[in-house]
N, C-alpha and C. Protein backbone atom coordinates (compact mmCIF):
# COMPACT_ATOMS: atom_id res chain seq x y z
N MET A 1 -17.71 88.87 -129.48
CA MET A 1 -17.64 88.49 -130.88
C MET A 1 -17.86 86.98 -130.96
N LYS A 2 -18.71 86.54 -131.86
CA LYS A 2 -18.97 85.12 -132.04
C LYS A 2 -17.78 84.46 -132.73
N ASN A 3 -17.71 83.11 -132.53
CA ASN A 3 -16.65 82.36 -133.22
C ASN A 3 -16.87 82.44 -134.72
N LYS A 4 -15.78 82.56 -135.41
CA LYS A 4 -15.83 82.54 -136.86
C LYS A 4 -15.30 81.19 -137.31
N ILE A 5 -15.81 80.70 -138.41
CA ILE A 5 -15.31 79.44 -138.97
C ILE A 5 -14.53 79.77 -140.22
N LEU A 6 -13.31 79.27 -140.27
CA LEU A 6 -12.47 79.49 -141.43
C LEU A 6 -12.66 78.32 -142.39
N LEU A 7 -12.94 78.62 -143.61
CA LEU A 7 -13.09 77.58 -144.62
C LEU A 7 -11.97 77.71 -145.64
N ALA A 8 -11.32 76.59 -145.92
CA ALA A 8 -10.26 76.60 -146.92
C ALA A 8 -10.60 75.54 -147.97
N PHE A 9 -10.70 75.97 -149.20
CA PHE A 9 -11.02 75.04 -150.28
C PHE A 9 -9.89 75.02 -151.30
N SER A 10 -9.67 73.85 -151.79
CA SER A 10 -8.71 73.70 -152.87
C SER A 10 -9.44 72.92 -153.96
N ILE A 11 -9.54 73.51 -155.13
CA ILE A 11 -10.29 72.88 -156.22
C ILE A 11 -9.30 72.47 -157.30
N THR A 12 -9.48 71.25 -157.74
CA THR A 12 -8.61 70.72 -158.78
C THR A 12 -9.47 70.31 -159.97
N LEU A 13 -9.00 70.66 -161.13
CA LEU A 13 -9.72 70.28 -162.35
C LEU A 13 -9.21 68.93 -162.85
N LEU A 14 -10.11 68.15 -163.32
CA LEU A 14 -9.77 66.82 -163.82
C LEU A 14 -9.93 66.83 -165.34
N PHE A 15 -8.81 66.64 -166.04
CA PHE A 15 -8.83 66.58 -167.50
C PHE A 15 -8.61 65.14 -167.93
N ILE A 16 -9.52 64.65 -168.66
CA ILE A 16 -9.35 63.30 -169.19
C ILE A 16 -9.31 63.44 -170.71
N GLY A 17 -8.22 62.98 -171.27
CA GLY A 17 -8.06 63.11 -172.70
C GLY A 17 -8.46 61.85 -173.44
N VAL A 18 -8.69 62.00 -174.71
CA VAL A 18 -9.02 60.87 -175.55
C VAL A 18 -7.80 60.54 -176.40
N GLY A 19 -7.50 59.29 -176.55
CA GLY A 19 -6.38 58.88 -177.38
C GLY A 19 -5.07 59.11 -176.66
N ILE A 20 -4.20 59.94 -177.28
CA ILE A 20 -2.87 60.13 -176.71
C ILE A 20 -2.79 61.38 -175.82
N GLN A 21 -3.93 62.02 -175.57
CA GLN A 21 -3.94 63.19 -174.70
C GLN A 21 -3.59 62.76 -173.27
N PRO A 22 -2.81 63.62 -172.55
CA PRO A 22 -2.46 63.26 -171.17
C PRO A 22 -3.67 63.38 -170.24
N VAL A 23 -3.61 62.63 -169.19
CA VAL A 23 -4.65 62.67 -168.18
C VAL A 23 -4.08 63.38 -166.96
N LEU A 24 -4.73 64.43 -166.52
CA LEU A 24 -4.31 65.17 -165.33
C LEU A 24 -5.41 65.02 -164.30
N ALA A 25 -5.07 64.39 -163.21
CA ALA A 25 -6.07 64.21 -162.16
C ALA A 25 -5.42 64.53 -160.82
N GLU A 26 -6.06 65.34 -160.04
CA GLU A 26 -5.58 65.64 -158.69
C GLU A 26 -6.75 65.54 -157.73
N LYS A 27 -6.41 65.38 -156.49
CA LYS A 27 -7.39 65.23 -155.44
C LYS A 27 -8.00 66.59 -155.06
N VAL A 28 -9.28 66.60 -154.81
CA VAL A 28 -9.96 67.79 -154.32
C VAL A 28 -9.96 67.71 -152.80
N SER A 29 -9.49 68.80 -152.15
CA SER A 29 -9.45 68.77 -150.68
C SER A 29 -10.23 69.95 -150.10
N THR A 30 -10.84 69.70 -148.98
CA THR A 30 -11.59 70.71 -148.26
C THR A 30 -11.24 70.58 -146.79
N SER A 31 -11.07 71.72 -146.13
CA SER A 31 -10.84 71.65 -144.68
C SER A 31 -11.66 72.75 -144.01
N ILE A 32 -12.22 72.40 -142.88
CA ILE A 32 -12.97 73.36 -142.08
C ILE A 32 -12.35 73.37 -140.70
N SER A 33 -12.03 74.57 -140.21
CA SER A 33 -11.46 74.64 -138.86
C SER A 33 -12.22 75.68 -138.05
N ASP A 34 -12.41 75.38 -136.80
CA ASP A 34 -13.09 76.29 -135.89
C ASP A 34 -12.03 76.91 -134.99
N ASN A 35 -12.02 78.23 -134.90
CA ASN A 35 -11.05 78.92 -134.05
C ASN A 35 -11.76 79.37 -132.78
N PRO A 36 -11.63 78.61 -131.68
CA PRO A 36 -12.30 79.04 -130.45
C PRO A 36 -11.63 80.29 -129.89
N PRO A 37 -12.42 81.20 -129.30
CA PRO A 37 -11.80 82.39 -128.72
C PRO A 37 -10.96 82.00 -127.51
N PRO A 38 -9.95 82.78 -127.18
CA PRO A 38 -9.14 82.47 -126.00
C PRO A 38 -9.94 82.69 -124.72
N ASN A 39 -9.44 82.12 -123.62
CA ASN A 39 -10.06 82.34 -122.32
C ASN A 39 -9.98 83.80 -121.94
N LYS A 40 -10.74 84.21 -120.91
CA LYS A 40 -10.65 85.57 -120.41
C LYS A 40 -9.25 85.81 -119.86
N PRO A 41 -8.73 87.02 -120.02
CA PRO A 41 -7.44 87.35 -119.39
C PRO A 41 -7.58 87.33 -117.87
N ILE A 42 -6.51 87.00 -117.20
CA ILE A 42 -6.45 87.03 -115.74
C ILE A 42 -5.64 88.26 -115.35
N ILE A 43 -6.11 88.99 -114.34
CA ILE A 43 -5.46 90.22 -113.90
C ILE A 43 -4.96 90.05 -112.48
N TYR A 44 -3.69 90.37 -112.24
CA TYR A 44 -3.09 90.33 -110.92
C TYR A 44 -2.60 91.72 -110.56
N GLY A 45 -2.62 92.04 -109.26
CA GLY A 45 -2.07 93.32 -108.83
C GLY A 45 -2.52 93.64 -107.42
N PRO A 46 -2.17 94.83 -106.95
CA PRO A 46 -2.61 95.23 -105.61
C PRO A 46 -4.12 95.44 -105.60
N ILE A 47 -4.72 95.37 -104.41
CA ILE A 47 -6.16 95.58 -104.32
C ILE A 47 -6.51 96.97 -103.80
N GLN A 48 -5.50 97.67 -103.25
CA GLN A 48 -5.75 98.98 -102.68
C GLN A 48 -4.55 99.88 -102.95
N GLY A 49 -4.80 101.17 -103.10
CA GLY A 49 -3.71 102.11 -103.32
C GLY A 49 -4.09 103.51 -102.91
N LYS A 50 -3.19 104.44 -103.22
CA LYS A 50 -3.36 105.85 -102.87
C LYS A 50 -3.48 106.68 -104.14
N VAL A 51 -4.11 107.82 -104.00
CA VAL A 51 -4.26 108.76 -105.11
C VAL A 51 -2.88 109.24 -105.56
N GLY A 52 -2.66 109.30 -106.87
CA GLY A 52 -1.43 109.86 -107.43
C GLY A 52 -0.23 108.94 -107.46
N VAL A 53 -0.40 107.67 -107.09
CA VAL A 53 0.71 106.71 -107.08
C VAL A 53 0.54 105.77 -108.27
N ASP A 54 1.65 105.45 -108.94
CA ASP A 54 1.64 104.56 -110.09
C ASP A 54 1.63 103.10 -109.61
N TYR A 55 0.70 102.28 -110.10
CA TYR A 55 0.59 100.87 -109.70
C TYR A 55 0.73 99.96 -110.90
N ASN A 56 1.41 98.83 -110.70
CA ASN A 56 1.62 97.83 -111.75
C ASN A 56 0.57 96.73 -111.65
N PHE A 57 0.04 96.33 -112.80
CA PHE A 57 -0.89 95.22 -112.88
C PHE A 57 -0.38 94.26 -113.95
N THR A 58 -0.54 92.97 -113.68
CA THR A 58 -0.07 91.94 -114.60
C THR A 58 -1.28 91.28 -115.26
N PHE A 59 -1.19 91.14 -116.57
CA PHE A 59 -2.25 90.55 -117.38
C PHE A 59 -1.71 89.28 -118.04
N VAL A 60 -2.50 88.20 -117.95
CA VAL A 60 -2.06 86.91 -118.52
C VAL A 60 -3.23 86.26 -119.24
N TYR A 61 -2.94 85.70 -120.40
CA TYR A 61 -3.93 84.86 -121.07
C TYR A 61 -3.21 83.89 -122.00
N ASN A 62 -3.87 82.75 -122.24
CA ASN A 62 -3.33 81.74 -123.14
C ASN A 62 -4.29 81.51 -124.28
N ASP A 63 -3.78 81.56 -125.48
CA ASP A 63 -4.55 81.23 -126.66
C ASP A 63 -4.39 79.74 -126.92
N PHE A 64 -5.49 79.05 -127.21
CA PHE A 64 -5.44 77.61 -127.45
C PHE A 64 -4.46 77.25 -128.56
N GLU A 65 -4.35 78.11 -129.54
CA GLU A 65 -3.51 77.83 -130.69
C GLU A 65 -2.15 78.52 -130.61
N GLN A 66 -1.85 79.09 -129.43
CA GLN A 66 -0.56 79.74 -129.17
C GLN A 66 -0.25 80.86 -130.15
N ARG A 67 -1.28 81.59 -130.54
CA ARG A 67 -1.09 82.74 -131.43
C ARG A 67 -0.76 83.98 -130.61
N ASP A 68 -0.08 84.93 -131.23
CA ASP A 68 0.16 86.21 -130.58
C ASP A 68 -1.17 86.93 -130.36
N PHE A 69 -1.17 87.88 -129.44
CA PHE A 69 -2.42 88.55 -129.08
C PHE A 69 -2.18 90.00 -128.69
N TYR A 70 -3.26 90.74 -128.57
CA TYR A 70 -3.27 92.14 -128.12
C TYR A 70 -4.19 92.24 -126.90
N TYR A 71 -3.95 93.25 -126.07
CA TYR A 71 -4.81 93.55 -124.93
C TYR A 71 -5.51 94.89 -125.13
N TYR A 72 -6.77 94.95 -124.69
CA TYR A 72 -7.51 96.20 -124.57
C TYR A 72 -7.83 96.32 -123.08
N ILE A 73 -7.37 97.38 -122.43
CA ILE A 73 -7.53 97.54 -120.98
C ILE A 73 -8.31 98.80 -120.68
N GLU A 74 -9.35 98.67 -119.87
CA GLU A 74 -10.09 99.82 -119.34
C GLU A 74 -9.77 99.93 -117.86
N TRP A 75 -9.38 101.11 -117.43
CA TRP A 75 -8.92 101.31 -116.04
C TRP A 75 -10.04 101.70 -115.09
N GLY A 76 -11.25 101.92 -115.55
CA GLY A 76 -12.36 102.23 -114.68
C GLY A 76 -12.52 103.70 -114.37
N ASP A 77 -11.57 104.52 -114.83
CA ASP A 77 -11.63 105.97 -114.58
C ASP A 77 -11.85 106.74 -115.89
N GLY A 78 -12.28 106.03 -116.92
CA GLY A 78 -12.51 106.67 -118.22
C GLY A 78 -11.32 106.61 -119.15
N THR A 79 -10.18 106.08 -118.68
CA THR A 79 -9.01 105.95 -119.54
C THR A 79 -8.83 104.48 -119.92
N PHE A 80 -8.06 104.25 -120.99
CA PHE A 80 -7.88 102.89 -121.48
C PHE A 80 -6.57 102.76 -122.26
N GLU A 81 -6.16 101.53 -122.46
CA GLU A 81 -5.04 101.17 -123.33
C GLU A 81 -5.67 100.46 -124.52
N GLU A 82 -5.49 101.00 -125.72
CA GLU A 82 -6.17 100.46 -126.89
C GLU A 82 -5.30 99.48 -127.66
N TRP A 83 -5.63 98.19 -127.56
CA TRP A 83 -5.00 97.10 -128.29
C TRP A 83 -3.47 97.19 -128.29
N ILE A 84 -2.89 97.05 -127.11
CA ILE A 84 -1.43 97.05 -126.99
C ILE A 84 -0.91 95.65 -127.31
N GLY A 85 0.25 95.57 -127.90
CA GLY A 85 0.82 94.29 -128.28
C GLY A 85 1.34 94.37 -129.69
N PRO A 86 1.60 93.27 -130.34
CA PRO A 86 1.26 91.90 -129.97
C PRO A 86 2.25 91.29 -128.97
N TYR A 87 1.74 90.32 -128.21
CA TYR A 87 2.54 89.56 -127.23
C TYR A 87 2.39 88.08 -127.52
N PRO A 88 3.41 87.28 -127.20
CA PRO A 88 3.29 85.82 -127.36
C PRO A 88 2.29 85.26 -126.35
N ALA A 89 1.57 84.22 -126.73
CA ALA A 89 0.61 83.58 -125.84
C ALA A 89 1.31 83.11 -124.57
N GLY A 90 0.65 83.32 -123.43
CA GLY A 90 1.18 82.87 -122.14
C GLY A 90 2.11 83.85 -121.45
N LEU A 91 2.50 84.91 -122.15
CA LEU A 91 3.42 85.89 -121.56
C LEU A 91 2.69 86.75 -120.54
N GLU A 92 3.30 86.96 -119.36
CA GLU A 92 2.75 87.88 -118.37
C GLU A 92 3.16 89.30 -118.77
N VAL A 93 2.17 90.15 -118.97
CA VAL A 93 2.41 91.53 -119.41
C VAL A 93 2.07 92.47 -118.26
N THR A 94 3.03 93.31 -117.88
CA THR A 94 2.80 94.26 -116.79
C THR A 94 2.58 95.65 -117.37
N VAL A 95 1.48 96.28 -116.93
CA VAL A 95 1.12 97.62 -117.38
C VAL A 95 0.81 98.43 -116.12
N ASN A 96 1.24 99.70 -116.10
CA ASN A 96 0.99 100.51 -114.90
C ASN A 96 -0.04 101.60 -115.18
N HIS A 97 -0.61 102.09 -114.07
CA HIS A 97 -1.63 103.13 -114.17
C HIS A 97 -1.67 103.92 -112.87
N THR A 98 -2.08 105.19 -112.97
CA THR A 98 -2.22 106.08 -111.82
C THR A 98 -3.65 106.62 -111.80
N TRP A 99 -4.27 106.58 -110.63
CA TRP A 99 -5.60 107.17 -110.43
C TRP A 99 -5.44 108.48 -109.68
N TYR A 100 -6.32 109.45 -109.98
CA TYR A 100 -6.21 110.77 -109.38
C TYR A 100 -7.39 111.13 -108.49
N GLU A 101 -8.28 110.19 -108.29
CA GLU A 101 -9.41 110.39 -107.39
C GLU A 101 -9.64 109.11 -106.60
N LYS A 102 -10.07 109.27 -105.33
CA LYS A 102 -10.36 108.08 -104.54
C LYS A 102 -11.64 107.43 -105.04
N GLY A 103 -11.78 106.14 -104.80
CA GLY A 103 -12.97 105.42 -105.21
C GLY A 103 -12.66 103.98 -105.54
N ASN A 104 -13.69 103.24 -105.91
CA ASN A 104 -13.55 101.85 -106.34
C ASN A 104 -13.50 101.82 -107.86
N TYR A 105 -12.56 101.07 -108.39
CA TYR A 105 -12.39 101.00 -109.84
C TYR A 105 -12.41 99.55 -110.31
N PHE A 106 -13.17 99.29 -111.37
CA PHE A 106 -13.17 97.98 -112.00
C PHE A 106 -12.24 98.04 -113.20
N ILE A 107 -11.13 97.33 -113.11
CA ILE A 107 -10.21 97.22 -114.24
C ILE A 107 -10.74 96.09 -115.11
N ARG A 108 -10.90 96.37 -116.39
CA ARG A 108 -11.39 95.36 -117.33
C ARG A 108 -10.38 95.18 -118.45
N CYS A 109 -10.25 93.93 -118.90
CA CYS A 109 -9.29 93.64 -119.96
C CYS A 109 -9.86 92.53 -120.85
N LYS A 110 -9.63 92.69 -122.14
CA LYS A 110 -9.93 91.59 -123.06
C LYS A 110 -8.76 91.41 -124.01
N ALA A 111 -8.66 90.23 -124.58
CA ALA A 111 -7.58 89.91 -125.50
C ALA A 111 -8.17 89.67 -126.88
N LYS A 112 -7.34 89.90 -127.89
CA LYS A 112 -7.73 89.66 -129.28
C LYS A 112 -6.55 88.99 -129.96
N ASP A 113 -6.81 87.86 -130.64
CA ASP A 113 -5.71 87.21 -131.35
C ASP A 113 -5.52 87.83 -132.73
N LEU A 114 -4.54 87.34 -133.45
CA LEU A 114 -4.21 87.93 -134.75
C LEU A 114 -5.29 87.74 -135.81
N TRP A 115 -6.22 86.81 -135.56
CA TRP A 115 -7.34 86.60 -136.47
C TRP A 115 -8.51 87.53 -136.14
N GLY A 116 -8.38 88.28 -135.05
CA GLY A 116 -9.44 89.21 -134.67
C GLY A 116 -10.45 88.66 -133.69
N TYR A 117 -10.25 87.45 -133.19
CA TYR A 117 -11.17 86.86 -132.23
C TYR A 117 -10.91 87.46 -130.86
N GLU A 118 -11.98 87.95 -130.21
CA GLU A 118 -11.87 88.61 -128.91
C GLU A 118 -12.41 87.74 -127.80
N THR A 119 -11.83 87.90 -126.61
CA THR A 119 -12.30 87.20 -125.42
C THR A 119 -13.42 87.97 -124.77
N ASP A 120 -14.02 87.37 -123.76
CA ASP A 120 -14.89 88.11 -122.86
C ASP A 120 -14.00 88.95 -121.95
N TRP A 121 -14.59 89.86 -121.19
CA TRP A 121 -13.83 90.73 -120.30
C TRP A 121 -13.36 89.97 -119.06
N GLY A 122 -12.08 90.13 -118.72
CA GLY A 122 -11.58 89.75 -117.41
C GLY A 122 -11.70 91.00 -116.54
N GLU A 123 -12.06 90.83 -115.26
CA GLU A 123 -12.27 91.99 -114.40
C GLU A 123 -11.48 91.87 -113.11
N TYR A 124 -11.17 93.04 -112.54
CA TYR A 124 -10.40 93.12 -111.30
C TYR A 124 -10.83 94.38 -110.56
N MET A 125 -11.04 94.28 -109.26
CA MET A 125 -11.46 95.45 -108.46
C MET A 125 -10.24 96.06 -107.77
N PHE A 126 -10.14 97.39 -107.85
CA PHE A 126 -9.04 98.13 -107.22
C PHE A 126 -9.64 99.30 -106.48
N TRP A 127 -9.15 99.56 -105.28
CA TRP A 127 -9.71 100.60 -104.43
C TRP A 127 -8.66 101.66 -104.14
N ILE A 128 -8.99 102.91 -104.41
CA ILE A 128 -8.10 104.04 -104.10
C ILE A 128 -8.65 104.76 -102.88
N ASP A 129 -7.81 104.84 -101.85
CA ASP A 129 -8.17 105.53 -100.62
C ASP A 129 -7.57 106.92 -100.64
N ARG A 130 -7.81 107.68 -99.59
CA ARG A 130 -7.14 108.97 -99.47
C ARG A 130 -5.65 108.75 -99.47
N SER A 131 -4.90 109.82 -99.53
CA SER A 131 -3.44 109.68 -99.60
C SER A 131 -2.81 109.32 -98.27
N ARG A 132 -3.60 109.18 -97.21
CA ARG A 132 -3.03 108.77 -95.93
C ARG A 132 -2.65 107.30 -95.94
N THR A 133 -1.69 106.95 -95.13
CA THR A 133 -1.33 105.54 -94.99
C THR A 133 -2.30 104.88 -94.03
N LEU A 134 -2.31 103.57 -93.98
CA LEU A 134 -3.18 102.84 -93.07
C LEU A 134 -2.84 103.19 -91.62
N TYR A 135 -1.54 103.35 -91.30
CA TYR A 135 -1.11 103.71 -89.95
C TYR A 135 -1.70 105.05 -89.53
N ASP A 136 -1.62 106.06 -90.39
CA ASP A 136 -2.19 107.37 -90.11
C ASP A 136 -3.68 107.29 -89.89
N THR A 137 -4.36 106.47 -90.69
CA THR A 137 -5.80 106.34 -90.58
C THR A 137 -6.20 105.74 -89.24
N VAL A 138 -5.48 104.70 -88.78
CA VAL A 138 -5.79 104.06 -87.50
C VAL A 138 -5.59 105.04 -86.35
N ILE A 139 -4.49 105.77 -86.35
CA ILE A 139 -4.24 106.76 -85.29
C ILE A 139 -5.30 107.84 -85.31
N HIS A 140 -5.67 108.30 -86.49
CA HIS A 140 -6.69 109.34 -86.62
C HIS A 140 -8.03 108.84 -86.06
N LEU A 141 -8.44 107.62 -86.41
CA LEU A 141 -9.69 107.06 -85.90
C LEU A 141 -9.64 106.91 -84.38
N PHE A 142 -8.50 106.48 -83.85
CA PHE A 142 -8.33 106.33 -82.41
C PHE A 142 -8.52 107.67 -81.70
N LEU A 143 -7.87 108.72 -82.20
CA LEU A 143 -7.97 110.04 -81.58
C LEU A 143 -9.37 110.63 -81.71
N GLU A 144 -10.07 110.31 -82.82
CA GLU A 144 -11.45 110.78 -82.95
C GLU A 144 -12.35 110.16 -81.89
N GLN A 145 -12.09 108.90 -81.54
CA GLN A 145 -12.90 108.21 -80.54
C GLN A 145 -12.59 108.68 -79.12
N PHE A 146 -11.38 109.15 -78.90
CA PHE A 146 -10.94 109.56 -77.56
C PHE A 146 -10.47 111.01 -77.60
N LEU A 147 -11.41 111.91 -77.88
CA LEU A 147 -11.08 113.34 -77.99
C LEU A 147 -10.45 113.87 -76.70
N ILE A 148 -10.84 113.34 -75.56
CA ILE A 148 -10.29 113.81 -74.29
C ILE A 148 -8.79 113.53 -74.23
N LEU A 149 -8.37 112.39 -74.82
CA LEU A 149 -6.95 112.06 -74.85
C LEU A 149 -6.19 113.08 -75.69
N GLU A 150 -6.76 113.47 -76.82
CA GLU A 150 -6.12 114.46 -77.67
C GLU A 150 -6.00 115.80 -76.94
N VAL A 151 -7.06 116.21 -76.23
CA VAL A 151 -7.02 117.46 -75.46
C VAL A 151 -5.96 117.36 -74.36
N PHE A 152 -5.90 116.23 -73.68
CA PHE A 152 -4.91 116.00 -72.62
C PHE A 152 -3.49 116.12 -73.18
N LEU A 153 -3.25 115.52 -74.35
CA LEU A 153 -1.91 115.59 -74.96
C LEU A 153 -1.57 117.03 -75.34
N GLN A 154 -2.54 117.80 -75.78
CA GLN A 154 -2.29 119.20 -76.12
C GLN A 154 -1.97 120.02 -74.87
N ILE A 155 -2.67 119.75 -73.73
CA ILE A 155 -2.40 120.46 -72.48
C ILE A 155 -1.00 120.17 -71.99
N ILE A 156 -0.58 118.89 -72.03
CA ILE A 156 0.76 118.52 -71.60
C ILE A 156 1.80 119.24 -72.47
N ASN A 157 1.55 119.34 -73.74
CA ASN A 157 2.47 120.00 -74.65
C ASN A 157 2.57 121.51 -74.32
N LEU A 158 1.45 122.12 -73.88
CA LEU A 158 1.46 123.54 -73.53
C LEU A 158 2.21 123.81 -72.22
N LEU A 159 2.19 122.87 -71.30
CA LEU A 159 2.84 123.04 -70.01
C LEU A 159 4.35 122.99 -70.10
N ARG A 160 4.88 122.51 -71.12
CA ARG A 160 6.36 122.41 -71.26
C ARG A 160 6.99 123.73 -71.40
């Protein structure tokens, strides 16, 4: 969304009377203000997770004019949070989400102030692996590389 310019005009009528008529005169004032959009939101959180686990992400942004704001969050899996808030400027907001399929996900977030000015998208990459832990994955890869060791361990187990 492009910047909008707010114009505020105050018009005063000037009456000048003849003779004993009162004179009413006031100043005419005009002000023009530019409302710059806020910076992109910053997203913090884990970079990797497992399928079916709830993860917390923190969203932060500051409005130059310290106005309250809303967040629109896209989770990268087709789901989203539609304009949650309002929140005070500078507040860290934590929102959680669960993914149900493995893959790489781009979390995107933008902020909108109370005047309707929107930021560009802030982005964050999150990766969902299988439900195995890293420890299980390392052991599994090790045993795949040394199949003879796995066979040997099975033979020893049978001899007991």
